[in-house]
Amino acid sequence: KKCSYKYCINDRLTASCTGDVKNGLVFCGANAYKMDSILPVSEIFSQFVRDAESVYKEDV
């Protein structure tokens, strides 16, 4: 369904999904202002693994 309104929520959500965060609608949590960077998921998980490995090595 195509919106006839000046501001269409569907258009804004679609823009965000395709990477257009300037014109899209992006949701965030209450603590988003604390973030200083946006990282790829692969980098975040790599950091999780490194942290877990360092804790495991300390316990062994």
PDB file of N, CA and C in Angstrom:
ATOM      1  N   LYS A   1       0.850  -1.187   0.000  1.00  0.00           N
ATOM      2  CA  LYS A   1       0.000   0.000   0.000  1.00  0.00           C
ATOM      3  C   LYS A   1       0.886   1.237   0.000  1.00  0.00           C
ATOM      4  N   LYS A   2       0.590   2.148  -0.868  1.00  0.00           N
ATOM      5  CA  LYS A   2       1.355   3.384  -0.969  1.00  0.00           C
ATOM      6  C   LYS A   2       0.704   4.457  -0.117  1.00  0.00           C
ATOM      7  N   CYS A   3       1.500   5.109   0.721  1.00  0.00           N
ATOM      8  CA  CYS A   3       0.991   6.186   1.578  1.00  0.00           C
ATOM      9  C   CYS A   3       0.741   7.443   0.747  1.00  0.00           C
ATOM     10  N   SER A   4      -0.316   8.153   1.081  1.00  0.00           N
ATOM     11  CA  SER A   4      -0.601   9.410   0.400  1.00  0.00           C
ATOM     12  C   SER A   4      -0.204  10.604   1.270  1.00  0.00           C
ATOM     13  N   TYR A   5       0.320  10.329   2.437  1.00  0.00           N
ATOM     14  CA  TYR A   5       0.687  11.384   3.371  1.00  0.00           C
ATOM     15  C   TYR A   5       2.053  11.971   3.005  1.00  0.00           C
ATOM     16  N   LYS A   6       2.311  13.172   3.495  1.00  0.00           N
ATOM     17  CA  LYS A   6       3.597  13.822   3.258  1.00  0.00           C
ATOM     18  C   LYS A   6       4.736  13.011   3.884  1.00  0.00           C
ATOM     19  N   TYR A   7       4.500  12.445   5.050  1.00  0.00           N
ATOM     20  CA  TYR A   7       5.505  11.635   5.740  1.00  0.00           C
ATOM     21  C   TYR A   7       4.973  10.216   5.853  1.00  0.00           C
ATOM     22  N   CYS A   8       5.599   9.286   5.174  1.00  0.00           N
ATOM     23  CA  CYS A   8       5.152   7.896   5.198  1.00  0.00           C
ATOM     24  C   CYS A   8       6.119   7.066   6.037  1.00  0.00           C
ATOM     25  N   ILE A   9       5.626   6.470   7.102  1.00  0.00           N
ATOM     26  CA  ILE A   9       6.460   5.669   7.994  1.00  0.00           C
ATOM     27  C   ILE A   9       7.099   4.506   7.246  1.00  0.00           C
ATOM     28  N   ASN A  10       6.365   3.894   6.329  1.00  0.00           N
ATOM     29  CA  ASN A  10       6.903   2.767   5.569  1.00  0.00           C
ATOM     30  C   ASN A  10       8.094   3.202   4.715  1.00  0.00           C
ATOM     31  N   ASP A  11       7.987   4.356   4.082  1.00  0.00           N
ATOM     32  CA  ASP A  11       9.104   4.870   3.281  1.00  0.00           C
ATOM     33  C   ASP A  11      10.326   5.122   4.154  1.00  0.00           C
ATOM     34  N   ARG A  12      10.112   5.652   5.341  1.00  0.00           N
ATOM     35  CA  ARG A  12      11.226   5.963   6.252  1.00  0.00           C
ATOM     36  C   ARG A  12      11.889   4.690   6.775  1.00  0.00           C
ATOM     37  N   LEU A  13      11.096   3.681   7.110  1.00  0.00           N
ATOM     38  CA  LEU A  13      11.658   2.410   7.580  1.00  0.00           C
ATOM     39  C   LEU A  13      12.421   1.706   6.464  1.00  0.00           C
ATOM     40  N   THR A  14      11.878   1.745   5.256  1.00  0.00           N
ATOM     41  CA  THR A  14      12.558   1.143   4.109  1.00  0.00           C
ATOM     42  C   THR A  14      13.879   1.859   3.841  1.00  0.00           C
ATOM     43  N   ALA A  15      13.885   3.167   3.945  1.00  0.00           N
ATOM     44  CA  ALA A  15      15.122   3.929   3.747  1.00  0.00           C
ATOM     45  C   ALA A  15      16.184   3.485   4.748  1.00  0.00           C
ATOM     46  N   SER A  16      15.809   3.304   5.993  1.00  0.00           N
ATOM     47  CA  SER A  16      16.760   2.856   7.014  1.00  0.00           C
ATOM     48  C   SER A  16      17.299   1.476   6.709  1.00  0.00           C
ATOM     49  N   CYS A  17      16.432   0.586   6.275  1.00  0.00           N
ATOM     50  CA  CYS A  17      16.857  -0.790   5.966  1.00  0.00           C
ATOM     51  C   CYS A  17      17.855  -0.836   4.823  1.00  0.00           C
ATOM     52  N   THR A  18      17.779   0.121   3.929  1.00  0.00           N
ATOM     53  CA  THR A  18      18.706   0.140   2.798  1.00  0.00           C
ATOM     54  C   THR A  18      19.930   1.007   3.075  1.00  0.00           C
ATOM     55  N   GLY A  19      20.063   1.481   4.311  1.00  0.00           N
ATOM     56  CA  GLY A  19      21.258   2.226   4.707  1.00  0.00           C
ATOM     57  C   GLY A  19      21.136   3.732   4.663  1.00  0.00           C
ATOM     58  N   ASP A  20      19.980   4.250   4.296  1.00  0.00           N
ATOM     59  CA  ASP A  20      19.785   5.699   4.224  1.00  0.00           C
ATOM     60  C   ASP A  20      19.308   6.211   5.579  1.00  0.00           C
ATOM     61  N   VAL A  21      20.250   6.360   6.516  1.00  0.00           N
ATOM     62  CA  VAL A  21      19.862   6.781   7.863  1.00  0.00           C
ATOM     63  C   VAL A  21      19.595   8.281   7.944  1.00  0.00           C
ATOM     64  N   LYS A  22      20.007   9.037   6.936  1.00  0.00           N
ATOM     65  CA  LYS A  22      19.717  10.471   6.929  1.00  0.00           C
ATOM     66  C   LYS A  22      18.224  10.719   6.718  1.00  0.00           C
ATOM     67  N   ASN A  23      17.607   9.968   5.815  1.00  0.00           N
ATOM     68  CA  ASN A  23      16.191  10.138   5.516  1.00  0.00           C
ATOM     69  C   ASN A  23      15.316   9.075   6.156  1.00  0.00           C
ATOM     70  N   GLY A  24      15.931   8.072   6.724  1.00  0.00           N
ATOM     71  CA  GLY A  24      15.180   6.971   7.314  1.00  0.00           C
ATOM     72  C   GLY A  24      14.837   7.210   8.774  1.00  0.00           C
ATOM     73  N   LEU A  25      14.098   6.273   9.314  1.00  0.00           N
ATOM     74  CA  LEU A  25      13.710   6.304  10.715  1.00  0.00           C
ATOM     75  C   LEU A  25      14.496   5.217  11.428  1.00  0.00           C
ATOM     76  N   VAL A  26      15.271   5.602  12.427  1.00  0.00           N
ATOM     77  CA  VAL A  26      16.128   4.668  13.140  1.00  0.00           C
ATOM     78  C   VAL A  26      15.759   4.704  14.617  1.00  0.00           C
ATOM     79  N   PHE A  27      15.529   3.528  15.193  1.00  0.00           N
ATOM     80  CA  PHE A  27      15.200   3.434  16.605  1.00  0.00           C
ATOM     81  C   PHE A  27      16.457   3.129  17.408  1.00  0.00           C
ATOM     82  N   CYS A  28      16.511   3.616  18.626  1.00  0.00           N
ATOM     83  CA  CYS A  28      17.634   3.297  19.504  1.00  0.00           C
ATOM     84  C   CYS A  28      17.132   3.292  20.945  1.00  0.00           C
ATOM     85  N   GLY A  29      17.924   2.740  21.826  1.00  0.00           N
ATOM     86  CA  GLY A  29      17.563   2.658  23.234  1.00  0.00           C
ATOM     87  C   GLY A  29      17.894   3.943  23.984  1.00  0.00           C
ATOM     88  N   ALA A  30      17.539   3.956  25.252  1.00  0.00           N
ATOM     89  CA  ALA A  30      17.716   5.139  26.088  1.00  0.00           C
ATOM     90  C   ALA A  30      19.182   5.500  26.309  1.00  0.00           C
ATOM     91  N   ASN A  31      20.090   4.542  26.148  1.00  0.00           N
ATOM     92  CA  ASN A  31      21.511   4.800  26.386  1.00  0.00           C
ATOM     93  C   ASN A  31      22.317   4.993  25.106  1.00  0.00           C
ATOM     94  N   ALA A  32      21.656   5.178  23.994  1.00  0.00           N
ATOM     95  CA  ALA A  32      22.355   5.305  22.712  1.00  0.00           C
ATOM     96  C   ALA A  32      23.313   6.494  22.691  1.00  0.00           C
ATOM     97  N   TYR A  33      23.014   7.523  23.433  1.00  0.00           N
ATOM     98  CA  TYR A  33      23.877   8.703  23.444  1.00  0.00           C
ATOM     99  C   TYR A  33      25.267   8.397  24.002  1.00  0.00           C
ATOM    100  N   LYS A  34      25.412   7.291  24.702  1.00  0.00           N
ATOM    101  CA  LYS A  34      26.706   6.917  25.279  1.00  0.00           C
ATOM    102  C   LYS A  34      27.653   6.299  24.251  1.00  0.00           C
ATOM    103  N   MET A  35      27.130   5.903  23.118  1.00  0.00           N
ATOM    104  CA  MET A  35      27.941   5.253  22.090  1.00  0.00           C
ATOM    105  C   MET A  35      28.836   6.271  21.395  1.00  0.00           C
ATOM    106  N   ASP A  36      30.078   5.863  21.118  1.00  0.00           N
ATOM    107  CA  ASP A  36      30.972   6.752  20.387  1.00  0.00           C
ATOM    108  C   ASP A  36      31.330   6.203  19.007  1.00  0.00           C
ATOM    109  N   SER A  37      30.818   5.003  18.684  1.00  0.00           N
ATOM    110  CA  SER A  37      31.057   4.429  17.363  1.00  0.00           C
ATOM    111  C   SER A  37      29.998   3.372  17.059  1.00  0.00           C
ATOM    112  N   ILE A  38      29.853   3.089  15.775  1.00  0.00           N
ATOM    113  CA  ILE A  38      28.962   2.025  15.326  1.00  0.00           C
ATOM    114  C   ILE A  38      29.839   0.981  14.662  1.00  0.00           C
ATOM    115  N   LEU A  39      29.865  -0.220  15.226  1.00  0.00           N
ATOM    116  CA  LEU A  39      30.746  -1.281  14.748  1.00  0.00           C
ATOM    117  C   LEU A  39      29.969  -2.356  14.012  1.00  0.00           C
ATOM    118  N   PRO A  40      30.624  -3.032  13.071  1.00  0.00           N
ATOM    119  CA  PRO A  40      29.993  -4.178  12.421  1.00  0.00           C
ATOM    120  C   PRO A  40      29.776  -5.299  13.440  1.00  0.00           C
ATOM    121  N   VAL A  41      28.734  -6.074  13.239  1.00  0.00           N
ATOM    122  CA  VAL A  41      28.427  -7.179  14.154  1.00  0.00           C
ATOM    123  C   VAL A  41      29.607  -8.131  14.263  1.00  0.00           C
ATOM    124  N   SER A  42      30.294  -8.391  13.157  1.00  0.00           N
ATOM    125  CA  SER A  42      31.437  -9.314  13.186  1.00  0.00           C
ATOM    126  C   SER A  42      32.530  -8.819  14.125  1.00  0.00           C
ATOM    127  N   GLU A  43      32.747  -7.517  14.164  1.00  0.00           N
ATOM    128  CA  GLU A  43      33.765  -6.962  15.056  1.00  0.00           C
ATOM    129  C   GLU A  43      33.335  -7.063  16.520  1.00  0.00           C
ATOM    130  N   ILE A  44      32.070  -6.839  16.782  1.00  0.00           N
ATOM    131  CA  ILE A  44      31.558  -6.956  18.152  1.00  0.00           C
ATOM    132  C   ILE A  44      31.717  -8.386  18.651  1.00  0.00           C
ATOM    133  N   PHE A  45      31.363  -9.362  17.823  1.00  0.00           N
ATOM    134  CA  PHE A  45      31.489 -10.761  18.236  1.00  0.00           C
ATOM    135  C   PHE A  45      32.947 -11.178  18.376  1.00  0.00           C
ATOM    136  N   SER A  46      33.818 -10.648  17.538  1.00  0.00           N
ATOM    137  CA  SER A  46      35.248 -10.941  17.685  1.00  0.00           C
ATOM    138  C   SER A  46      35.753 -10.446  19.034  1.00  0.00           C
ATOM    139  N   GLN A  47      35.296  -9.275  19.444  1.00  0.00           N
ATOM    140  CA  GLN A  47      35.675  -8.745  20.757  1.00  0.00           C
ATOM    141  C   GLN A  47      35.125  -9.622  21.874  1.00  0.00           C
ATOM    142  N   PHE A  48      33.881 -10.095  21.743  1.00  0.00           N
ATOM    143  CA  PHE A  48      33.315 -11.021  22.733  1.00  0.00           C
ATOM    144  C   PHE A  48      34.190 -12.257  22.874  1.00  0.00           C
ATOM    145  N   VAL A  49      34.604 -12.812  21.742  1.00  0.00           N
ATOM    146  CA  VAL A  49      35.421 -14.030  21.752  1.00  0.00           C
ATOM    147  C   VAL A  49      36.766 -13.751  22.409  1.00  0.00           C
ATOM    148  N   ARG A  50      37.419 -12.651  22.046  1.00  0.00           N
ATOM    149  CA  ARG A  50      38.712 -12.309  22.658  1.00  0.00           C
ATOM    150  C   ARG A  50      38.575 -12.135  24.163  1.00  0.00           C
ATOM    151  N   ASP A  51      37.530 -11.438  24.591  1.00  0.00           N
ATOM    152  CA  ASP A  51      37.314 -11.243  26.029  1.00  0.00           C
ATOM    153  C   ASP A  51      37.070 -12.565  26.735  1.00  0.00           C
ATOM    154  N   ALA A  52      36.250 -13.416  26.144  1.00  0.00           N
ATOM    155  CA  ALA A  52      35.949 -14.718  26.752  1.00  0.00           C
ATOM    156  C   ALA A  52      37.202 -15.580  26.816  1.00  0.00           C
ATOM    157  N   GLU A  53      38.004 -15.566  25.767  1.00  0.00           N
ATOM    158  CA  GLU A  53      39.237 -16.355  25.760  1.00  0.00           C
ATOM    159  C   GLU A  53      40.210 -15.867  26.824  1.00  0.00           C
ATOM    160  N   SER A  54      40.294 -14.563  27.019  1.00  0.00           N
ATOM    161  CA  SER A  54      41.213 -14.049  28.036  1.00  0.00           C
ATOM    162  C   SER A  54      40.744 -14.421  29.438  1.00  0.00           C
ATOM    163  N   VAL A  55      39.445 -14.424  29.671  1.00  0.00           N
ATOM    164  CA  VAL A  55      38.912 -14.836  30.976  1.00  0.00           C
ATOM    165  C   VAL A  55      39.149 -16.320  31.182  1.00  0.00           C
ATOM    166  N   TYR A  56      38.932 -17.111  30.142  1.00  0.00           N
ATOM    167  CA  TYR A  56      39.130 -18.558  30.238  1.00  0.00           C
ATOM    168  C   TYR A  56      40.592 -18.879  30.528  1.00  0.00           C
ATOM    169  N   LYS A  57      41.522 -18.198  29.866  1.00  0.00           N
ATOM    170  CA  LYS A  57      42.952 -18.427  30.077  1.00  0.00           C
ATOM    171  C   LYS A  57      43.366 -18.072  31.500  1.00  0.00           C
ATOM    172  N   GLU A  58      42.744 -17.037  32.069  1.00  0.00           N
ATOM    173  CA  GLU A  58      43.065 -16.630  33.438  1.00  0.00           C
ATOM    174  C   GLU A  58      42.576 -17.650  34.452  1.00  0.00           C
ATOM    175  N   ASP A  59      41.470 -18.330  34.162  1.00  0.00           N
ATOM    176  CA  ASP A  59      40.884 -19.293  35.095  1.00  0.00           C
ATOM    177  C   ASP A  59      41.554 -20.657  35.029  1.00  0.00           C
ATOM    178  N   VAL A  60      42.276 -20.961  33.961  1.00  0.00           N
ATOM    179  CA  VAL A  60      42.868 -22.295  33.789  1.00  0.00           C
ATOM    180  C   VAL A  60      44.188 -22.397  34.501  1.00  0.00           C
TER     181      VAL A  60
END
